[in-house]
Amino acid sequence: MSLTIRAVTRQDYDQWLPLWDGYNAFYGRSGPTALAPEITRMTWQRLFDAYEPMHALVAEDCGGRLLGLTHYLFHRSTTAIEPSCYLQDLFTLEAARGKGVASALIHGVYERARLAGSPRVYWQTHETNLTAQRLYDKVAERSGFIVYRKIF
């Protein structure tokens, strides 16, 4: 499959939005539990704000169709001088799964992290997402940490 991994552009919105909606639906954020439209609008705006640490890459086929997306951000850490890179979202169209699109997007984030001087990329996935974990076990190592959260 001929594939280009590149930074998202403002012209990508009409193709980015269904990918974003698909990602949110995958994690149960659709219908009555959907994200508020203002969150989607703010997320999109942040991707183009030079003062925000949030970035996006898309996977594009040779016909110009977006097959996947990843959002990532840089942040400081108390255990390193260099910034850490958190790969927050990763999603591919169902038809593109198993064809190297997600792996290419992850490696795209790795490259952006290297260019930014960040020696560490990390992410999390749901414990039931076994398909993704099979890929992740090939491109990274499990940290052994368990995520806790409190939602207010």
N, C-alpha and C. Protein backbone atom coordinates (compact mmCIF):
# COMPACT_ATOMS: atom_id res chain seq x y z
N MET A 1 0.84 -1.18 0.00
CA MET A 1 0.00 0.00 0.00
C MET A 1 0.88 1.24 0.00
N SER A 2 0.66 2.12 -0.94
CA SER A 2 1.38 3.39 -1.00
C SER A 2 0.75 4.33 0.01
N LEU A 3 1.57 4.83 0.92
CA LEU A 3 1.07 5.59 2.05
C LEU A 3 2.00 6.75 2.36
N THR A 4 1.41 7.89 2.68
CA THR A 4 2.17 9.06 3.12
C THR A 4 1.72 9.42 4.53
N ILE A 5 2.68 9.60 5.41
CA ILE A 5 2.39 10.09 6.76
C ILE A 5 2.81 11.55 6.77
N ARG A 6 1.88 12.42 7.12
CA ARG A 6 2.16 13.85 7.08
C ARG A 6 1.37 14.58 8.15
N ALA A 7 1.77 15.81 8.40
CA ALA A 7 1.04 16.66 9.34
C ALA A 7 -0.34 16.97 8.76
N VAL A 8 -1.30 17.04 9.62
CA VAL A 8 -2.65 17.40 9.21
C VAL A 8 -2.66 18.86 8.74
N THR A 9 -3.52 19.18 7.80
CA THR A 9 -3.69 20.56 7.34
C THR A 9 -5.14 20.97 7.55
N ARG A 10 -5.39 22.25 7.51
CA ARG A 10 -6.77 22.74 7.67
C ARG A 10 -7.70 22.18 6.59
N GLN A 11 -7.15 21.89 5.42
CA GLN A 11 -7.96 21.36 4.32
C GLN A 11 -8.39 19.92 4.57
N ASP A 12 -7.83 19.28 5.58
CA ASP A 12 -8.15 17.89 5.88
C ASP A 12 -9.41 17.72 6.74
N TYR A 13 -10.00 18.81 7.19
CA TYR A 13 -11.07 18.71 8.18
C TYR A 13 -12.19 17.74 7.77
N ASP A 14 -12.65 17.81 6.54
CA ASP A 14 -13.78 16.97 6.12
C ASP A 14 -13.44 15.48 6.15
N GLN A 15 -12.17 15.13 6.03
CA GLN A 15 -11.76 13.73 6.14
C GLN A 15 -11.30 13.38 7.56
N TRP A 16 -10.77 14.37 8.28
CA TRP A 16 -10.34 14.16 9.66
C TRP A 16 -11.53 13.89 10.56
N LEU A 17 -12.62 14.63 10.37
CA LEU A 17 -13.76 14.53 11.27
C LEU A 17 -14.35 13.12 11.34
N PRO A 18 -14.58 12.41 10.23
CA PRO A 18 -15.09 11.04 10.36
C PRO A 18 -14.11 10.10 11.07
N LEU A 19 -12.81 10.33 10.90
CA LEU A 19 -11.83 9.53 11.63
C LEU A 19 -11.92 9.82 13.12
N TRP A 20 -12.01 11.09 13.47
CA TRP A 20 -12.14 11.51 14.87
C TRP A 20 -13.42 10.93 15.48
N ASP A 21 -14.51 11.03 14.73
CA ASP A 21 -15.78 10.46 15.21
C ASP A 21 -15.68 8.95 15.37
N GLY A 22 -15.00 8.28 14.44
CA GLY A 22 -14.81 6.83 14.54
C GLY A 22 -13.99 6.45 15.76
N TYR A 23 -12.94 7.22 16.03
CA TYR A 23 -12.11 6.98 17.21
C TYR A 23 -12.96 7.11 18.48
N ASN A 24 -13.72 8.18 18.55
CA ASN A 24 -14.55 8.39 19.74
C ASN A 24 -15.63 7.32 19.88
N ALA A 25 -16.23 6.91 18.78
CA ALA A 25 -17.23 5.84 18.83
C ALA A 25 -16.60 4.53 19.31
N PHE A 26 -15.38 4.26 18.86
CA PHE A 26 -14.68 3.04 19.29
C PHE A 26 -14.56 2.98 20.80
N TYR A 27 -14.33 4.12 21.42
CA TYR A 27 -14.20 4.18 22.87
C TYR A 27 -15.50 4.55 23.58
N GLY A 28 -16.62 4.39 22.88
CA GLY A 28 -17.92 4.56 23.52
C GLY A 28 -18.37 6.00 23.67
N ARG A 29 -17.72 6.91 22.98
CA ARG A 29 -18.11 8.33 23.06
C ARG A 29 -18.90 8.69 21.81
N SER A 30 -20.12 8.16 21.73
CA SER A 30 -21.02 8.47 20.61
C SER A 30 -22.44 8.45 21.13
N GLY A 31 -23.37 8.89 20.28
CA GLY A 31 -24.77 8.93 20.71
C GLY A 31 -24.92 9.81 21.93
N PRO A 32 -25.62 9.32 22.97
CA PRO A 32 -25.85 10.15 24.16
C PRO A 32 -24.57 10.46 24.94
N THR A 33 -23.52 9.66 24.73
CA THR A 33 -22.27 9.90 25.45
C THR A 33 -21.21 10.56 24.56
N ALA A 34 -21.64 11.13 23.45
CA ALA A 34 -20.70 11.77 22.50
C ALA A 34 -20.03 12.98 23.14
N LEU A 35 -18.85 13.28 22.63
CA LEU A 35 -18.18 14.51 23.06
C LEU A 35 -19.02 15.70 22.63
N ALA A 36 -19.00 16.72 23.42
CA ALA A 36 -19.69 17.95 23.05
C ALA A 36 -19.02 18.53 21.81
N PRO A 37 -19.80 19.11 20.89
CA PRO A 37 -19.22 19.67 19.67
C PRO A 37 -18.12 20.70 19.93
N GLU A 38 -18.22 21.43 21.04
CA GLU A 38 -17.18 22.42 21.32
C GLU A 38 -15.84 21.77 21.64
N ILE A 39 -15.83 20.53 22.13
CA ILE A 39 -14.57 19.83 22.37
C ILE A 39 -13.91 19.49 21.04
N THR A 40 -14.71 19.00 20.10
CA THR A 40 -14.16 18.70 18.76
C THR A 40 -13.64 19.97 18.11
N ARG A 41 -14.39 21.06 18.19
CA ARG A 41 -13.94 22.32 17.59
C ARG A 41 -12.63 22.79 18.23
N MET A 42 -12.54 22.71 19.56
CA MET A 42 -11.34 23.16 20.26
C MET A 42 -10.16 22.25 19.93
N THR A 43 -10.39 20.96 19.85
CA THR A 43 -9.31 20.03 19.48
C THR A 43 -8.76 20.40 18.12
N TRP A 44 -9.65 20.61 17.15
CA TRP A 44 -9.22 20.97 15.80
C TRP A 44 -8.43 22.27 15.82
N GLN A 45 -8.90 23.27 16.54
CA GLN A 45 -8.21 24.56 16.61
C GLN A 45 -6.82 24.42 17.23
N ARG A 46 -6.73 23.62 18.28
CA ARG A 46 -5.44 23.44 18.97
C ARG A 46 -4.38 22.85 18.06
N LEU A 47 -4.79 22.03 17.11
CA LEU A 47 -3.83 21.40 16.21
C LEU A 47 -3.09 22.41 15.34
N PHE A 48 -3.65 23.61 15.23
CA PHE A 48 -3.05 24.64 14.37
C PHE A 48 -2.58 25.86 15.15
N ASP A 49 -2.59 25.78 16.46
CA ASP A 49 -2.16 26.88 17.33
C ASP A 49 -0.71 26.66 17.72
N ALA A 50 0.17 27.54 17.28
CA ALA A 50 1.60 27.39 17.54
C ALA A 50 1.94 27.40 19.03
N TYR A 51 1.04 27.92 19.86
CA TYR A 51 1.29 27.97 21.30
C TYR A 51 0.81 26.71 22.02
N GLU A 52 0.18 25.83 21.31
CA GLU A 52 -0.30 24.56 21.89
C GLU A 52 0.72 23.46 21.62
N PRO A 53 0.90 22.54 22.58
CA PRO A 53 1.84 21.44 22.37
C PRO A 53 1.21 20.25 21.65
N MET A 54 0.01 20.41 21.12
CA MET A 54 -0.74 19.34 20.49
C MET A 54 -0.50 19.33 18.98
N HIS A 55 -0.34 18.11 18.43
CA HIS A 55 -0.05 17.96 17.01
C HIS A 55 -0.83 16.77 16.45
N ALA A 56 -0.92 16.69 15.13
CA ALA A 56 -1.61 15.58 14.49
C ALA A 56 -0.89 15.16 13.22
N LEU A 57 -0.89 13.86 12.99
CA LEU A 57 -0.43 13.29 11.73
C LEU A 57 -1.59 12.52 11.12
N VAL A 58 -1.60 12.44 9.81
CA VAL A 58 -2.59 11.63 9.11
C VAL A 58 -1.86 10.69 8.16
N ALA A 59 -2.51 9.58 7.86
CA ALA A 59 -2.03 8.63 6.86
C ALA A 59 -2.89 8.82 5.63
N GLU A 60 -2.25 9.08 4.51
CA GLU A 60 -2.96 9.38 3.26
C GLU A 60 -2.55 8.37 2.20
N ASP A 61 -3.53 7.82 1.49
CA ASP A 61 -3.21 6.90 0.40
C ASP A 61 -2.86 7.69 -0.86
N CYS A 62 -2.47 7.00 -1.91
CA CYS A 62 -2.02 7.68 -3.13
C CYS A 62 -3.15 8.43 -3.82
N GLY A 63 -4.40 8.15 -3.47
CA GLY A 63 -5.53 8.85 -4.04
C GLY A 63 -5.98 10.06 -3.22
N GLY A 64 -5.26 10.37 -2.15
CA GLY A 64 -5.60 11.52 -1.32
C GLY A 64 -6.61 11.22 -0.22
N ARG A 65 -6.94 9.97 -0.01
CA ARG A 65 -7.90 9.59 1.03
C ARG A 65 -7.18 9.39 2.35
N LEU A 66 -7.70 9.98 3.42
CA LEU A 66 -7.12 9.79 4.75
C LEU A 66 -7.59 8.45 5.30
N LEU A 67 -6.63 7.64 5.74
CA LEU A 67 -6.91 6.30 6.26
C LEU A 67 -6.78 6.21 7.76
N GLY A 68 -6.11 7.19 8.37
CA GLY A 68 -5.91 7.15 9.81
C GLY A 68 -5.38 8.46 10.33
N LEU A 69 -5.41 8.57 11.66
CA LEU A 69 -4.91 9.77 12.32
C LEU A 69 -4.21 9.40 13.62
N THR A 70 -3.36 10.28 14.06
CA THR A 70 -2.81 10.21 15.40
C THR A 70 -2.64 11.63 15.92
N HIS A 71 -2.95 11.80 17.18
CA HIS A 71 -2.73 13.08 17.87
C HIS A 71 -1.68 12.82 18.94
N TYR A 72 -0.77 13.75 19.09
CA TYR A 72 0.28 13.59 20.10
C TYR A 72 0.61 14.96 20.67
N LEU A 73 1.21 14.96 21.85
CA LEU A 73 1.59 16.22 22.47
C LEU A 73 2.88 16.04 23.25
N PHE A 74 3.55 17.16 23.44
CA PHE A 74 4.79 17.18 24.21
C PHE A 74 4.53 17.82 25.56
N HIS A 75 5.21 17.29 26.58
CA HIS A 75 5.07 17.88 27.92
C HIS A 75 6.36 17.68 28.70
N ARG A 76 6.49 18.45 29.75
CA ARG A 76 7.65 18.36 30.63
C ARG A 76 7.49 17.18 31.58
N SER A 77 8.59 16.80 32.19
CA SER A 77 8.60 15.70 33.14
C SER A 77 9.51 16.05 34.30
N THR A 78 9.24 15.49 35.45
CA THR A 78 10.13 15.70 36.60
C THR A 78 11.32 14.76 36.57
N THR A 79 11.36 13.83 35.60
CA THR A 79 12.44 12.84 35.57
C THR A 79 13.36 12.99 34.36
N ALA A 80 13.19 14.04 33.59
CA ALA A 80 14.03 14.25 32.42
C ALA A 80 14.06 15.73 32.07
N ILE A 81 15.12 16.15 31.41
CA ILE A 81 15.22 17.52 30.94
C ILE A 81 14.45 17.68 29.63
N GLU A 82 14.57 16.67 28.77
CA GLU A 82 13.93 16.72 27.47
C GLU A 82 12.42 16.51 27.62
N PRO A 83 11.64 16.99 26.66
CA PRO A 83 10.19 16.78 26.74
C PRO A 83 9.82 15.32 26.48
N SER A 84 8.73 14.90 27.05
CA SER A 84 8.15 13.59 26.75
C SER A 84 7.08 13.76 25.69
N CYS A 85 6.86 12.74 24.91
CA CYS A 85 5.85 12.77 23.86
C CYS A 85 4.77 11.75 24.20
N TYR A 86 3.56 12.24 24.35
CA TYR A 86 2.41 11.38 24.65
C TYR A 86 1.59 11.22 23.38
N LEU A 87 1.49 10.00 22.90
CA LEU A 87 0.67 9.68 21.75
C LEU A 87 -0.74 9.46 22.30
N GLN A 88 -1.60 10.44 22.13
CA GLN A 88 -2.89 10.40 22.80
C GLN A 88 -3.95 9.61 22.04
N ASP A 89 -4.04 9.80 20.73
CA ASP A 89 -5.10 9.16 19.94
C ASP A 89 -4.47 8.50 18.72
N LEU A 90 -5.00 7.33 18.38
CA LEU A 90 -4.57 6.63 17.17
C LEU A 90 -5.78 5.89 16.64
N PHE A 91 -6.08 6.11 15.35
CA PHE A 91 -7.25 5.46 14.76
C PHE A 91 -7.03 5.29 13.27
N THR A 92 -7.48 4.14 12.76
CA THR A 92 -7.48 3.91 11.32
C THR A 92 -8.86 3.43 10.89
N LEU A 93 -9.17 3.69 9.65
CA LEU A 93 -10.41 3.15 9.09
C LEU A 93 -10.36 1.63 9.18
N GLU A 94 -11.50 1.02 9.37
CA GLU A 94 -11.55 -0.44 9.49
C GLU A 94 -10.93 -1.12 8.26
N ALA A 95 -11.21 -0.58 7.08
CA ALA A 95 -10.68 -1.17 5.84
C ALA A 95 -9.15 -1.07 5.76
N ALA A 96 -8.54 -0.19 6.54
CA ALA A 96 -7.09 0.00 6.49
C ALA A 96 -6.37 -0.81 7.56
N ARG A 97 -7.10 -1.48 8.43
CA ARG A 97 -6.48 -2.20 9.54
C ARG A 97 -5.75 -3.45 9.03
N GLY A 98 -4.62 -3.73 9.67
CA GLY A 98 -3.82 -4.88 9.29
C GLY A 98 -2.94 -4.63 8.08
N LYS A 99 -2.88 -3.38 7.62
CA LYS A 99 -2.11 -3.05 6.41
C LYS A 99 -0.93 -2.13 6.69
N GLY A 100 -0.58 -1.96 7.96
CA GLY A 100 0.59 -1.17 8.31
C GLY A 100 0.33 0.30 8.54
N VAL A 101 -0.93 0.73 8.48
CA VAL A 101 -1.23 2.16 8.63
C VAL A 101 -0.96 2.63 10.05
N ALA A 102 -1.44 1.90 11.05
CA ALA A 102 -1.23 2.31 12.44
C ALA A 102 0.26 2.30 12.78
N SER A 103 0.97 1.27 12.34
CA SER A 103 2.41 1.21 12.58
C SER A 103 3.12 2.40 11.94
N ALA A 104 2.73 2.76 10.74
CA ALA A 104 3.34 3.91 10.06
C ALA A 104 3.05 5.20 10.82
N LEU A 105 1.85 5.34 11.34
CA LEU A 105 1.52 6.54 12.13
C LEU A 105 2.35 6.59 13.41
N ILE A 106 2.50 5.46 14.09
CA ILE A 106 3.32 5.42 15.31
C ILE A 106 4.76 5.81 14.98
N HIS A 107 5.30 5.24 13.92
CA HIS A 107 6.67 5.58 13.54
C HIS A 107 6.78 7.04 13.11
N GLY A 108 5.72 7.59 12.56
CA GLY A 108 5.70 9.03 12.26
C GLY A 108 5.82 9.86 13.52
N VAL A 109 5.13 9.44 14.58
CA VAL A 109 5.25 10.14 15.86
C VAL A 109 6.66 9.97 16.42
N TYR A 110 7.22 8.77 16.31
CA TYR A 110 8.60 8.56 16.76
C TYR A 110 9.54 9.56 16.08
N GLU A 111 9.38 9.73 14.78
CA GLU A 111 10.25 10.65 14.04
C GLU A 111 10.06 12.09 14.50
N ARG A 112 8.81 12.51 14.70
CA ARG A 112 8.55 13.88 15.18
C ARG A 112 9.13 14.07 16.58
N ALA A 113 9.04 13.06 17.41
CA ALA A 113 9.60 13.14 18.76
C ALA A 113 11.12 13.31 18.69
N ARG A 114 11.77 12.52 17.85
CA ARG A 114 13.23 12.65 17.68
C ARG A 114 13.60 14.06 17.24
N LEU A 115 12.86 14.59 16.27
CA LEU A 115 13.14 15.94 15.77
C LEU A 115 12.94 17.00 16.85
N ALA A 116 12.03 16.74 17.78
CA ALA A 116 11.76 17.69 18.87
C ALA A 116 12.70 17.48 20.06
N GLY A 117 13.59 16.52 19.97
CA GLY A 117 14.52 16.27 21.08
C GLY A 117 13.91 15.46 22.20
N SER A 118 12.84 14.77 21.91
CA SER A 118 12.17 13.96 22.92
C SER A 118 12.60 12.50 22.78
N PRO A 119 13.23 11.95 23.82
CA PRO A 119 13.71 10.58 23.73
C PRO A 119 12.66 9.52 24.12
N ARG A 120 11.44 9.97 24.42
CA ARG A 120 10.44 9.04 24.94
C ARG A 120 9.07 9.32 24.32
N VAL A 121 8.47 8.28 23.75
CA VAL A 121 7.08 8.32 23.30
C VAL A 121 6.34 7.25 24.09
N TYR A 122 5.20 7.60 24.61
CA TYR A 122 4.41 6.62 25.36
C TYR A 122 2.94 6.83 25.07
N TRP A 123 2.14 5.82 25.36
CA TRP A 123 0.69 5.89 25.17
C TRP A 123 0.04 4.83 26.02
N GLN A 124 -1.27 4.85 26.00
CA GLN A 124 -2.05 3.84 26.72
C GLN A 124 -3.16 3.34 25.81
N THR A 125 -3.68 2.18 26.13
CA THR A 125 -4.82 1.64 25.41
C THR A 125 -5.69 0.91 26.41
N HIS A 126 -6.91 0.66 26.03
CA HIS A 126 -7.81 -0.05 26.92
C HIS A 126 -7.39 -1.51 26.99
N GLU A 127 -7.55 -2.10 28.17
CA GLU A 127 -7.14 -3.49 28.36
C GLU A 127 -7.86 -4.48 27.45
N THR A 128 -9.02 -4.09 26.93
CA THR A 128 -9.76 -4.98 26.04
C THR A 128 -9.36 -4.83 24.58
N ASN A 129 -8.52 -3.86 24.27
CA ASN A 129 -8.13 -3.62 22.88
C ASN A 129 -6.96 -4.53 22.51
N LEU A 130 -7.24 -5.82 22.41
CA LEU A 130 -6.20 -6.82 22.19
C LEU A 130 -5.58 -6.72 20.80
N THR A 131 -6.37 -6.34 19.81
CA THR A 131 -5.83 -6.20 18.46
C THR A 131 -4.74 -5.14 18.44
N ALA A 132 -5.01 -3.99 19.04
CA ALA A 132 -4.01 -2.93 19.09
C ALA A 132 -2.79 -3.37 19.90
N GLN A 133 -3.02 -4.09 20.97
CA GLN A 133 -1.90 -4.52 21.81
C GLN A 133 -0.94 -5.42 21.06
N ARG A 134 -1.44 -6.22 20.14
CA ARG A 134 -0.55 -7.07 19.34
C ARG A 134 0.41 -6.21 18.52
N LEU A 135 -0.10 -5.11 17.96
CA LEU A 135 0.78 -4.19 17.24
C LEU A 135 1.72 -3.49 18.21
N TYR A 136 1.19 -2.96 19.29
CA TYR A 136 2.00 -2.19 20.23
C TYR A 136 3.15 -3.02 20.80
N ASP A 137 2.91 -4.32 21.02
CA ASP A 137 3.96 -5.18 21.53
C ASP A 137 5.10 -5.34 20.53
N LYS A 138 4.85 -5.05 19.27
CA LYS A 138 5.89 -5.13 18.23
C LYS A 138 6.69 -3.84 18.10
N VAL A 139 6.07 -2.70 18.42
CA VAL A 139 6.73 -1.41 18.16
C VAL A 139 7.19 -0.68 19.42
N ALA A 140 6.89 -1.25 20.60
CA ALA A 140 7.25 -0.61 21.86
C ALA A 140 7.27 -1.67 22.96
N GLU A 141 7.61 -1.25 24.15
CA GLU A 141 7.59 -2.18 25.28
C GLU A 141 6.55 -1.71 26.30
N ARG A 142 5.92 -2.66 26.95
CA ARG A 142 4.97 -2.32 28.00
C ARG A 142 5.73 -1.77 29.20
N SER A 143 5.20 -0.69 29.76
CA SER A 143 5.89 -0.05 30.88
C SER A 143 5.61 -0.73 32.21
N GLY A 144 4.52 -1.47 32.28
CA GLY A 144 4.16 -2.10 33.55
C GLY A 144 3.34 -1.21 34.46
N PHE A 145 3.16 0.05 34.07
CA PHE A 145 2.38 0.96 34.89
C PHE A 145 0.89 0.76 34.64
N ILE A 146 0.10 0.99 35.65
CA ILE A 146 -1.35 0.93 35.58
C ILE A 146 -1.86 2.36 35.71
N VAL A 147 -2.82 2.73 34.89
CA VAL A 147 -3.35 4.10 34.90
C VAL A 147 -4.53 4.18 35.86
N TYR A 148 -4.51 5.18 36.73
CA TYR A 148 -5.64 5.49 37.60
C TYR A 148 -6.17 6.85 37.19
N ARG A 149 -7.45 7.07 37.44
CA ARG A 149 -8.01 8.38 37.13
C ARG A 149 -9.18 8.68 38.06
N LYS A 150 -9.46 9.94 38.18
CA LYS A 150 -10.62 10.44 38.92
C LYS A 150 -11.24 11.50 38.04
N ILE A 151 -12.50 11.35 37.71
CA ILE A 151 -13.18 12.31 36.86
C ILE A 151 -14.12 13.14 37.74
N PHE A 152 -14.02 14.44 37.59
CA PHE A 152 -14.88 15.35 38.36
C PHE A 152 -15.98 15.89 37.50
